[in-house]
Protein backbone atom coordinates (compact mmCIF):
# COMPACT_ATOMS: atom_id res chain seq x y z
CA MET A 1 -37.35 36.60 70.19
CA ASN A 2 -41.31 36.35 71.40
CA THR A 3 -43.09 33.54 70.29
CA VAL A 4 -47.06 34.36 69.60
CA ASP A 5 -49.34 32.05 69.46
CA GLY A 6 -52.24 32.34 67.26
CA GLY A 7 -51.28 32.17 63.73
CA GLY A 8 -49.56 33.45 60.91
CA THR A 9 -50.70 37.08 61.20
CA ASP A 10 -49.11 37.59 64.54
CA SER A 11 -46.22 36.08 63.25
CA LEU A 12 -45.72 38.88 60.17
CA THR A 13 -46.43 41.39 62.47
CA GLU A 14 -43.63 40.22 65.18
CA ILE A 15 -41.43 40.01 61.97
CA ALA A 16 -42.58 43.37 60.75
CA ALA A 17 -41.98 44.72 64.60
CA ILE A 18 -38.51 43.43 64.89
CA LEU A 19 -38.00 45.07 61.57
CA VAL A 20 -39.09 48.25 62.43
CA ARG A 21 -37.05 48.16 65.58
CA ARG A 22 -34.15 47.43 64.01
CA LYS A 23 -34.58 49.88 61.03
CA TRP A 24 -31.46 51.44 61.59
CA GLN A 25 -29.19 49.06 62.19
CA ILE A 26 -30.52 47.13 59.08
CA ALA A 27 -30.03 50.18 57.09
CA ALA A 28 -26.88 50.82 58.35
CA THR A 29 -25.45 47.26 57.93
CA PHE A 30 -26.81 47.43 54.40
CA VAL A 31 -24.96 50.48 53.39
CA LEU A 32 -21.88 49.43 55.02
CA VAL A 33 -21.96 46.00 53.37
CA VAL A 34 -22.87 47.58 49.88
CA ALA A 35 -20.15 50.07 50.11
CA VAL A 36 -17.21 47.83 51.34
CA VAL A 37 -18.33 45.40 48.16
CA THR A 38 -18.65 47.96 45.65
CA THR A 39 -15.23 49.62 47.15
CA GLY A 40 -13.25 46.16 47.16
CA THR A 41 -14.77 45.62 43.52
CA LEU A 42 -13.42 49.35 42.23
CA LEU A 43 -10.19 48.51 43.92
CA MET A 44 -9.82 45.12 42.91
CA PRO A 45 -6.72 44.86 40.15
CA LYS A 46 -8.42 44.52 36.85
CA GLN A 47 -7.96 41.56 34.98
CA TYR A 48 -8.06 40.61 31.41
CA GLU A 49 -9.02 37.09 29.85
CA SER A 50 -7.87 35.94 26.34
CA HIS A 51 -9.55 32.96 24.51
CA MET A 52 -8.66 30.30 22.12
CA LYS A 53 -10.32 27.67 20.44
CA ILE A 54 -8.64 24.03 19.50
CA LEU A 55 -10.34 21.98 16.64
CA VAL A 56 -9.56 18.57 17.12
CA LYS A 57 -10.28 16.50 13.79
CA ASN A 58 -9.42 13.21 11.94
CA GLU A 59 -8.05 14.81 8.67
CA ARG A 60 -4.83 12.98 8.51
CA ALA A 61 -4.19 9.65 9.61
CA ASP A 62 -0.81 8.91 11.56
CA MET A 63 1.52 6.75 9.51
CA VAL A 64 2.24 3.39 10.80
CA VAL A 65 5.65 1.92 10.86
CA THR A 66 5.83 -1.71 10.10
CA ALA A 67 7.28 -3.69 7.43
CA ASP A 68 3.81 -4.83 6.43
CA SER A 69 2.70 -4.00 2.90
CA ASN A 70 -0.60 -3.25 4.32
CA THR A 71 -0.39 0.27 4.94
CA GLY A 72 -3.53 0.55 7.56
CA SER A 73 -3.39 3.88 9.60
CA GLY A 74 -6.30 3.17 11.90
CA TYR A 75 -7.89 5.90 10.47
CA THR A 76 -11.26 7.07 12.02
CA GLY A 77 -13.54 9.58 11.20
CA ALA A 78 -15.38 10.14 13.91
CA VAL A 79 -13.30 12.31 17.16
CA SER A 80 -13.30 9.85 20.16
CA GLU A 81 -13.32 11.18 23.80
CA GLU A 82 -10.09 9.65 24.17
CA GLN A 83 -8.66 11.81 21.75
CA ILE A 84 -10.31 14.77 23.31
CA ASN A 85 -8.78 13.91 26.93
CA THR A 86 -5.51 12.93 25.15
CA GLU A 87 -5.01 16.60 23.64
CA ILE A 88 -6.29 18.11 26.90
CA GLU A 89 -3.68 16.13 28.90
CA LEU A 90 -1.15 17.45 26.42
CA LEU A 91 -1.87 20.67 26.88
CA ASN A 92 -1.60 20.57 30.74
CA SER A 93 1.66 18.40 30.60
CA GLN A 94 4.43 19.82 32.83
CA SER A 95 6.74 20.39 29.76
CA LEU A 96 4.33 22.39 27.54
CA LEU A 97 3.87 24.33 30.39
CA ARG A 98 6.97 24.84 31.44
CA GLN A 99 8.34 25.69 27.69
CA VAL A 100 5.36 28.57 27.62
CA VAL A 101 7.02 29.75 30.83
CA GLU A 102 10.35 30.08 29.20
CA GLN A 103 9.40 31.47 25.91
CA CYS A 104 7.06 33.99 27.65
CA GLY A 105 9.54 35.00 30.66
CA LEU A 106 6.76 34.24 32.81
CA GLU A 107 9.51 33.40 35.61
CA LYS A 108 10.54 37.52 35.80
CA LEU A 109 7.69 38.06 37.10
CA GLU A 110 7.92 35.88 40.11
CA SER A 111 9.69 36.96 43.58
CA THR A 112 12.54 35.08 44.42
CA ALA A 113 14.24 37.40 47.22
CA GLY A 114 15.29 35.36 50.46
CA TYR A 115 16.60 32.27 48.18
CA PRO A 116 20.17 31.58 47.53
CA PRO A 117 20.68 32.79 43.87
CA ALA A 118 21.53 29.25 42.28
CA GLU A 119 17.89 28.26 43.14
CA ARG A 120 16.22 31.14 42.00
CA ARG A 121 15.74 30.41 38.83
CA PRO A 122 14.31 27.09 39.64
CA ILE A 123 11.82 28.01 42.33
CA ALA A 124 10.88 30.91 39.40
CA LEU A 125 10.36 28.45 37.05
CA GLU A 126 8.19 26.17 39.32
CA ARG A 127 6.12 29.20 40.93
CA ALA A 128 5.48 30.74 37.13
CA VAL A 129 4.30 27.12 35.84
CA LEU A 130 1.85 26.82 38.74
CA GLY A 131 0.70 30.10 38.31
CA LEU A 132 0.06 29.34 34.65
CA GLN A 133 -1.44 26.07 35.23
CA LYS A 134 -3.71 28.10 37.67
CA ASN A 135 -4.65 30.83 35.32
CA LEU A 136 -4.42 28.32 32.64
CA SER A 137 -8.39 26.79 31.90
CA ILE A 138 -8.71 23.86 29.60
CA THR A 139 -12.06 23.08 28.70
CA PRO A 140 -13.41 20.62 26.05
CA VAL A 141 -16.82 22.29 24.50
CA ARG A 142 -20.39 20.03 24.55
CA LYS A 143 -21.15 17.98 21.79
CA ALA A 144 -18.18 19.66 19.61
CA ASN A 145 -14.53 18.52 18.68
CA VAL A 146 -13.27 21.98 20.24
CA ILE A 147 -10.99 22.65 23.21
CA GLN A 148 -11.78 25.84 24.85
CA VAL A 149 -8.49 27.22 26.05
CA ASP A 150 -8.67 30.67 28.50
CA TYR A 151 -6.30 32.67 30.16
CA ILE A 152 -6.11 35.51 32.91
CA SER A 153 -3.57 38.34 33.17
CA LYS A 154 -2.90 41.25 34.52
CA ASN A 155 -1.75 42.41 31.39
CA PRO A 156 -3.79 42.39 28.44
CA HIS A 157 -1.39 41.83 26.06
CA LEU A 158 0.71 39.05 27.90
CA ALA A 159 -2.36 36.98 28.40
CA ALA A 160 -2.53 37.20 24.29
CA SER A 161 1.13 36.09 24.23
CA VAL A 162 1.21 33.39 26.17
CA LEU A 163 -1.94 31.96 24.70
CA ARG A 164 0.21 32.11 20.96
CA GLN A 165 2.82 30.46 23.04
CA VAL A 166 0.72 27.70 24.44
CA SER A 167 -1.24 27.05 20.43
CA ASP A 168 3.03 27.08 19.14
CA SER A 169 4.24 25.09 21.62
CA TYR A 170 1.19 22.64 21.46
CA LEU A 171 1.31 21.87 17.78
CA GLU A 172 4.87 21.19 17.99
CA ALA A 173 4.30 18.84 20.63
CA HIS A 174 1.20 17.44 19.18
CA LEU A 175 3.40 16.59 15.88
CA ARG A 176 6.24 15.23 17.72
CA LEU A 177 3.79 12.63 19.87
CA HIS A 178 1.91 11.72 16.67
CA SER A 179 5.52 11.51 14.78
CA THR A 180 8.21 8.69 14.63
CA PRO A 181 11.54 10.80 14.45
CA GLY A 182 14.23 9.48 11.55
CA THR A 183 11.27 7.25 9.94
CA TYR A 184 12.20 8.96 6.76
CA GLN A 185 16.34 7.86 7.12
CA PHE A 186 15.63 4.32 8.30
CA PHE A 187 13.00 3.66 5.30
CA ALA A 188 15.62 5.52 2.36
CA THR A 189 18.60 3.28 4.02
CA GLN A 190 16.41 0.54 3.58
CA THR A 191 15.12 1.38 0.28
CA ALA A 192 18.73 1.58 -1.46
CA ARG A 193 19.71 -1.21 0.50
CA TYR A 194 17.14 -3.41 -1.00
CA GLN A 195 17.41 -1.97 -4.74
CA GLN A 196 21.08 -2.64 -4.30
CA ASP A 197 19.58 -6.62 -3.30
CA LEU A 198 17.54 -6.00 -6.52
CA ASN A 199 20.28 -5.00 -8.72
CA ASP A 200 22.32 -7.96 -7.55
CA ALA A 201 19.80 -10.43 -7.85
CA GLU A 202 18.85 -9.33 -11.70
CA ALA A 203 22.46 -9.74 -12.93
CA LYS A 204 22.75 -13.20 -11.40
CA LEU A 205 19.25 -14.19 -13.38
CA THR A 206 20.51 -12.15 -16.28
CA THR A 207 23.66 -14.05 -16.30
CA PHE A 208 22.26 -17.36 -15.82
CA ARG A 209 20.28 -16.99 -18.73
CA GLN A 210 22.79 -15.91 -20.75
CA GLN A 211 24.92 -19.07 -19.69
CA GLY A 212 21.74 -21.40 -20.26
CA ASN A 213 20.15 -19.59 -22.93
CA ILE A 214 16.98 -19.21 -21.56
CA VAL A 215 14.58 -16.46 -22.10
CA MET A 216 11.52 -18.15 -20.89
CA LEU A 217 11.91 -20.77 -18.84
CA GLU A 218 8.54 -22.13 -18.20
CA GLN A 219 7.24 -21.51 -22.16
CA GLN A 220 10.92 -23.03 -23.78
CA LYS A 221 10.66 -26.15 -21.18
CA ASP A 222 6.98 -26.35 -23.20
CA GLU A 223 8.22 -25.60 -26.55
CA MET A 224 11.15 -27.89 -26.11
CA LEU A 225 8.66 -30.86 -24.85
CA ARG A 226 6.57 -30.00 -28.05
CA LYS A 227 9.28 -30.49 -29.97
CA ALA A 228 10.92 -33.16 -28.71
CA SER A 229 7.37 -35.50 -28.66
CA ASP A 230 6.96 -33.97 -32.50
CA SER A 231 10.71 -35.33 -33.31
CA GLU A 232 9.80 -39.22 -31.54
CA SER A 233 6.58 -38.98 -33.77
CA ALA A 234 8.18 -38.48 -37.14
CA LEU A 235 11.35 -41.07 -35.58
CA LEU A 236 8.56 -43.68 -34.93
CA GLN A 237 7.09 -43.11 -38.66
CA ALA A 238 10.41 -43.16 -40.07
CA GLU A 239 11.04 -46.27 -38.96
CA SER A 240 8.03 -47.77 -39.58
CA ALA A 241 8.38 -46.64 -43.17
CA VAL A 242 12.25 -47.69 -43.30
CA GLY A 243 10.80 -50.64 -42.44
CA GLU A 244 8.04 -51.10 -44.88
CA TYR A 245 10.70 -50.17 -47.62
CA ASN A 246 12.70 -52.93 -46.72
CA ASP A 247 10.17 -55.76 -46.91
CA LYS A 248 8.93 -53.66 -50.38
CA ILE A 249 12.53 -53.76 -51.60
CA THR A 250 12.74 -57.87 -50.31
CA ASP A 251 9.53 -58.43 -52.17
CA THR A 252 10.47 -56.44 -55.40
CA ARG A 253 13.71 -58.38 -55.77
CA ARG A 254 12.46 -61.77 -55.53
CA GLN A 255 9.92 -60.74 -58.06
CA LEU A 256 12.97 -59.61 -60.21
CA ALA A 257 14.85 -62.35 -59.69
CA ALA A 258 11.56 -64.54 -60.98
CA SER A 259 11.02 -62.69 -64.10
CA SER A 260 13.30 -62.83 -67.20
CA PRO A 261 15.04 -59.72 -68.63
CA ARG A 262 13.60 -60.59 -72.02
CA VAL A 263 10.63 -62.23 -73.72
CA THR A 264 10.10 -64.38 -76.84
CA THR A 265 7.98 -62.18 -79.22
CA GLN A 266 7.66 -64.64 -82.36
CA SER A 267 8.92 -68.23 -83.20
CA ARG A 268 9.70 -69.86 -86.44
CA THR A 269 10.95 -73.57 -87.40
CA GLY A 270 12.95 -73.96 -90.70
CA PRO A 271 15.79 -75.05 -92.29
CA ASN A 272 19.15 -74.10 -91.91
CA GLN A 273 19.71 -71.89 -95.10
CA PHE A 274 21.93 -69.59 -93.73
CA SER A 275 23.94 -72.55 -92.73
CA VAL A 276 23.57 -73.88 -96.28
CA ASP A 277 24.19 -71.13 -97.78
CA HIS A 278 27.45 -70.23 -95.98
CA LEU A 279 28.69 -73.66 -96.69
CA SER A 280 27.98 -74.01 -100.20
CA ALA A 281 29.72 -70.56 -100.91
CA MET A 282 32.70 -72.13 -98.76
CA ILE A 283 32.84 -75.24 -100.91
CA ALA A 284 32.97 -72.90 -104.23
CA ASP A 285 35.74 -70.99 -102.66
CA LEU A 286 37.66 -74.04 -101.96
CA ASN A 287 37.09 -75.51 -105.58
CA ASN A 288 38.25 -72.24 -107.11
CA ARG A 289 41.43 -72.30 -104.79
CA ARG A 290 41.73 -76.25 -106.12
CA THR A 291 41.91 -75.03 -109.49
CA ALA A 292 44.46 -72.19 -108.82
CA LEU A 293 46.62 -74.49 -107.10
CA LEU A 294 46.00 -77.19 -109.66
CA ALA A 295 47.87 -74.53 -112.14
CA LYS A 296 50.59 -74.41 -110.23
CA PHE A 297 51.20 -77.65 -108.40
CA ARG A 298 50.49 -81.13 -108.90
CA SER A 299 47.59 -82.90 -107.76
CA ASP A 300 49.89 -84.68 -104.59
CA ASP A 301 50.98 -81.52 -103.53
CA ARG A 302 50.73 -80.66 -100.12
CA LEU A 303 48.77 -77.23 -100.46
CA VAL A 304 46.48 -78.91 -103.05
CA VAL A 305 45.76 -82.03 -100.50
CA GLU A 306 44.98 -79.75 -97.88
CA VAL A 307 42.49 -77.50 -99.84
CA ASP A 308 40.87 -81.46 -100.98
CA LYS A 309 40.47 -81.97 -97.15
CA GLU A 310 38.83 -78.54 -96.64
CA ILE A 311 36.37 -78.77 -99.44
CA SER A 312 35.73 -82.83 -98.17
CA ASP A 313 35.26 -81.27 -94.57
CA THR A 314 32.97 -78.63 -95.63
CA GLN A 315 31.20 -80.91 -98.17
CA ALA A 316 30.20 -83.04 -95.33
CA SER A 317 29.06 -79.97 -93.08
CA LEU A 318 26.97 -78.93 -95.83
CA ASP A 319 25.52 -82.15 -96.46
CA LYS A 320 24.66 -82.33 -92.54
CA ALA A 321 23.24 -78.25 -92.53
CA ALA A 322 21.08 -79.50 -95.30
CA LYS A 323 19.48 -82.13 -93.11
CA ALA A 324 19.06 -80.02 -89.93
CA SER A 325 15.94 -77.94 -89.04
CA ALA A 326 16.63 -74.64 -88.13
CA ILE A 327 14.44 -72.53 -84.93
CA GLU A 328 14.21 -68.85 -85.58
CA GLU A 329 13.27 -66.69 -82.49
CA SER A 330 12.22 -63.01 -82.15
CA THR A 331 12.87 -61.59 -78.32
CA ASP A 332 11.97 -58.01 -76.91
CA VAL A 333 12.67 -56.52 -73.35
CA ASN A 334 10.49 -57.71 -70.19
CA PRO A 335 7.87 -54.57 -69.25
CA ILE A 336 7.10 -56.71 -65.81
CA HIS A 337 11.52 -56.76 -65.54
CA GLN A 338 11.70 -52.92 -66.49
CA THR A 339 8.86 -52.07 -64.14
CA LEU A 340 10.51 -54.14 -61.24
CA GLN A 341 13.66 -52.44 -61.84
CA ILE A 342 12.34 -49.12 -61.94
CA ASP A 343 10.09 -49.99 -58.51
CA LEU A 344 13.45 -51.39 -57.04
CA ALA A 345 15.49 -48.30 -57.94
CA LYS A 346 12.84 -45.85 -56.31
CA GLU A 347 12.51 -47.93 -53.63
CA GLN A 348 16.22 -48.09 -52.80
CA ALA A 349 16.01 -44.61 -53.19
CA GLU A 350 13.21 -43.18 -51.07
CA LEU A 351 14.92 -46.24 -47.93
CA ALA A 352 18.38 -43.97 -48.41
CA GLY A 353 15.77 -41.01 -48.09
CA LEU A 354 14.05 -42.72 -45.22
CA GLN A 355 17.28 -43.69 -43.32
CA SER A 356 18.61 -40.36 -44.16
CA ARG A 357 15.70 -38.70 -42.42
CA ARG A 358 15.94 -41.42 -39.60
CA GLN A 359 19.51 -40.85 -38.92
CA SER A 360 18.17 -36.68 -38.45
CA LEU A 361 15.11 -37.39 -36.92
CA ALA A 362 17.37 -39.75 -34.00
CA ALA A 363 19.65 -36.99 -33.94
CA GLN A 364 17.08 -34.17 -33.37
CA THR A 365 15.59 -36.17 -30.45
CA ARG A 366 18.78 -37.23 -28.67
CA SER A 367 19.46 -33.18 -28.68
CA TYR A 368 15.79 -32.19 -27.74
CA HIS A 369 16.43 -35.10 -24.75
CA GLU A 370 19.61 -33.35 -24.18
CA GLN A 371 18.18 -29.79 -24.15
CA LEU A 372 15.38 -31.06 -21.82
CA MET A 373 17.42 -32.25 -19.48
CA THR A 374 20.10 -29.28 -19.48
CA LEU A 375 16.41 -27.26 -18.96
CA GLY A 376 15.35 -29.46 -15.97
CA ASN A 377 18.64 -29.63 -14.26
CA ALA A 378 18.21 -25.19 -14.82
CA THR A 379 14.79 -25.18 -13.40
CA ALA A 380 15.81 -25.26 -9.67
CA GLN A 381 18.58 -22.65 -9.87
CA PHE A 382 16.59 -20.79 -12.31
CA ASP A 383 13.24 -20.54 -9.68
CA ASP A 384 15.80 -20.06 -6.42
CA LEU A 385 17.06 -16.98 -8.67
CA THR A 386 13.92 -15.75 -9.90
CA ARG A 387 12.42 -16.07 -6.30
CA ALA A 388 15.21 -14.21 -4.81
CA ARG A 389 14.89 -11.43 -7.76
CA LYS A 390 10.84 -11.64 -6.73
CA GLU A 391 11.48 -10.98 -3.13
CA ALA A 392 13.93 -8.19 -3.45
CA GLU A 393 11.58 -6.61 -5.68
CA ASP A 394 8.56 -6.63 -3.54
CA ASN A 395 10.61 -5.63 -0.78
CA TYR A 396 12.44 -2.71 -2.56
CA LEU A 397 8.86 -1.70 -3.78
CA LEU A 398 7.57 -1.72 -0.08
CA TYR A 399 10.08 0.34 1.17
CA ALA A 400 10.01 2.38 -1.90
CA ARG A 401 6.17 3.08 -1.07
CA LYS A 402 7.22 3.63 2.66
CA THR A 403 9.64 5.48 2.43
CA GLU A 404 6.92 8.19 0.46
CA GLU A 405 4.75 7.65 3.01
CA ALA A 406 7.49 8.78 5.69
CA ARG A 407 8.50 11.82 3.18
CA ILE A 408 5.53 12.80 2.74
CA ALA A 409 4.52 12.71 6.67
CA GLU A 410 7.83 14.51 7.55
CA SER A 411 6.73 17.26 5.02
CA LEU A 412 3.03 17.71 6.55
CA ASP A 413 5.23 18.16 9.77
CA ARG A 414 7.09 20.96 8.72
CA GLN A 415 4.19 22.39 7.32
CA LYS A 416 2.19 22.07 10.49
CA ILE A 417 -0.83 19.94 8.90
CA ALA A 418 -1.94 18.33 11.86
CA ASN A 419 -5.11 16.31 13.31
CA VAL A 420 -5.45 19.70 15.21
CA ALA A 421 -6.05 23.35 14.23
CA ILE A 422 -6.31 26.72 16.04
CA ALA A 423 -10.10 27.16 15.34
CA GLU A 424 -9.87 30.72 16.81
CA SER A 425 -6.76 32.67 17.42
CA PRO A 426 -5.94 33.96 20.89
CA VAL A 427 -6.74 38.01 20.55
CA GLU A 428 -5.29 40.71 23.05
CA PRO A 429 -8.46 41.88 25.20
CA HIS A 430 -9.46 45.45 25.41
CA LEU A 431 -11.89 45.21 28.34
CA PRO A 432 -11.33 43.66 32.10
CA SER A 433 -13.14 40.37 32.43
CA LYS A 434 -12.58 40.86 35.84
CA PRO A 435 -13.57 42.36 38.19
CA ASN A 436 -17.40 42.41 36.98
CA VAL A 437 -18.73 45.51 38.74
CA PRO A 438 -22.21 45.07 37.79
CA MET A 439 -22.63 41.37 39.01
CA ASN A 440 -20.55 42.41 42.10
CA ILE A 441 -22.53 45.28 43.25
CA ALA A 442 -25.68 42.90 42.54
CA LEU A 443 -24.36 40.30 44.19
CA GLY A 444 -23.24 42.58 47.47
CA VAL A 445 -26.66 43.85 47.22
CA VAL A 446 -28.45 40.28 47.70
CA LEU A 447 -25.15 39.56 50.59
CA ALA A 448 -26.09 43.26 52.31
CA GLY A 449 -29.96 42.16 52.42
CA PHE A 450 -29.25 39.03 53.77
CA LEU A 451 -26.37 39.85 56.01
CA SER A 452 -28.58 43.17 57.59
CA VAL A 453 -31.55 41.10 58.14
CA GLY A 454 -29.88 38.04 59.49
CA LEU A 455 -28.00 40.45 61.83
CA ALA A 456 -30.93 42.52 63.06
CA PHE A 457 -32.88 38.90 63.55
CA SER A 458 -29.56 37.86 65.73
CA MET A 459 -29.51 40.89 67.91
CA GLU A 460 -32.77 40.61 69.01
CA TYR A 461 -32.56 37.25 69.71
CA LEU A 462 -29.43 37.64 71.51
CA GLY A 463 -30.99 40.54 73.12
CA GLN A 464 -33.50 38.92 75.02
CA PRO A 465 -33.30 38.00 78.66
CA ARG A 466 -31.84 34.54 80.05
CA ASP A 467 -34.90 34.58 82.51
CA GLY A 468 -37.72 33.50 80.09
CA ARG A 469 -39.19 36.78 80.62
CA LEU A 470 -40.20 38.40 77.11
CA LEU A 471 -39.79 41.84 75.98
CA PRO A 472 -42.31 44.44 76.05
CA SER A 473 -43.93 44.24 72.92
CA PRO A 474 -44.57 47.90 70.90
CA ASP A 475 -48.48 48.56 70.61
CA ARG A 476 -50.12 46.80 67.45
CA ARG A 477 -51.30 50.59 66.35
CA GLU A 478 -47.74 51.70 66.59
CA VAL A 479 -46.47 48.80 64.50
CA GLU A 480 -48.87 49.19 62.11
CA LEU A 481 -48.39 52.97 61.66
CA ASP A 482 -44.48 52.34 61.53
CA MET A 483 -44.86 49.83 58.61
CA ARG A 484 -47.48 52.32 56.62
CA HIS A 485 -45.36 55.25 56.91
CA LEU A 486 -42.10 52.94 55.65
CA LEU A 487 -44.68 51.77 52.81
CA GLU A 488 -45.34 55.27 51.90
CA PRO A 489 -43.17 57.11 49.61
CA VAL A 490 -40.87 59.85 50.64
CA GLN A 491 -42.12 63.39 49.76
CA GLN A 492 -39.44 65.73 51.59
CA SER A 493 -35.70 65.73 52.17
CA SER A 494 -36.31 65.98 55.94
CA GLU A 495 -39.10 63.00 56.13
CA LEU A 496 -36.04 61.00 54.37
CA GLU A 497 -33.19 62.10 57.05
CA ALA A 498 -35.67 61.37 59.80
CA LEU A 499 -36.40 57.89 58.49
CA THR A 500 -32.78 56.89 57.85
CA GLY A 501 -30.98 59.26 59.76
CA LEU A 502 -28.82 60.81 57.12
CA ALA A 503 -27.86 63.88 55.72
CA VAL A 504 -29.61 64.63 52.29
CA LEU A 505 -26.67 66.15 49.84
CA ALA A 506 -28.99 66.79 46.97
CA THR A 507 -32.79 66.42 45.58
CA VAL A 508 -33.48 65.64 42.08
CA TYR A 509 -37.36 66.50 41.33
CA ARG A 510 -39.42 64.43 38.68
CA THR A 511 -41.04 65.51 35.76
């Protein structure tokens, strides 16, 4: 290509000269490329693309299979990037893609001619999986918890059915990945076991309570301790009262011994008139008897002599009684002595009651101490049985709660309630996604322009002599006329045929 010194105008003129000189070549190349692109676009097989969107969420917390009473599930409200990537990797997994291939029969579309019959199916499956992985596009939607899944196929029905199978297989794989198979059966077995342990512990505790007459051990011990303390206090009071009454009885007996049962109320001194009168009467009676005896017997008779003797003795006694004086006294019951006797009787009666009460309190106190000792000895075994029952109850409640959680989780899995959902189900497309005829033609036009111009300049460069001499340049006026002719509108079909070298097939007139 000629180099012209002198400025931008000369360079543009040189370029324009090349374009004018190679105009037929440029036009032919442009038309050829556009025709090839258009023909290729129209001859390309139609491809249909089906779409599906998967929503990733955290509405359901995964169950944590532990023996801990805390049922922490690691639940978080926001969906992390790791979760999105995990679901994408699950969608791209070979096992899932192979399952989709087998369910949709994509391996039947692969040609396995030339391979042994035993290797045809594995090869067809592998090719179908590679083809599915190639035509399946999985991309996360920016700033959203959504995964976009696209699949391209020549058959619109197959494109939609493949995505439907992908969604079904993906949901099953997601549930299988986030669940723990056999959890419900395990916890149900453990719950039955600990329920049996709880029943055994309750039976042992009930038997021990019946044998030891225990209802509430701590309350019974406190009540028995209080009763024993009250009984000991009452026993001490009774013993003190017994001692006090013993002292009272001793003092009362001493006072009673010192006092007389009766006291003199009146004392009078005088002759012994009663004895005199009595003796006088006896003498008179004896005289009467002597007189009677003398009438029957002689004076020296024994009977008369005895009567005389009695009369003589009685007369002597009468003389003696007449000379003696008599003291006359009046006595009565001593009230002090009587009161002391009454007090002594009362004190003895009260002492007997206190002694009986002391014996009863002593026996009661011994009984309370024995019961306290029995309850104290039973405390260790009772605590062990209570602890075993509490442990069995805690284990039973824990595994019962875990069983219910596992049952709920399995029910959710059966209903396919998970942290992913199909936000947009695949539908069968009716318009092909490829080829895009307008875009391909537009790109073909652009490509044809670049190729035609580039080819013209390449041919111009390759057509220069190797000795360094420049080809003769056309006259400047000729170039300007040709450029002006190109820029002017074409009015006649003959002018267009002369300009392009092609025949005009039809003319459309502008109104």
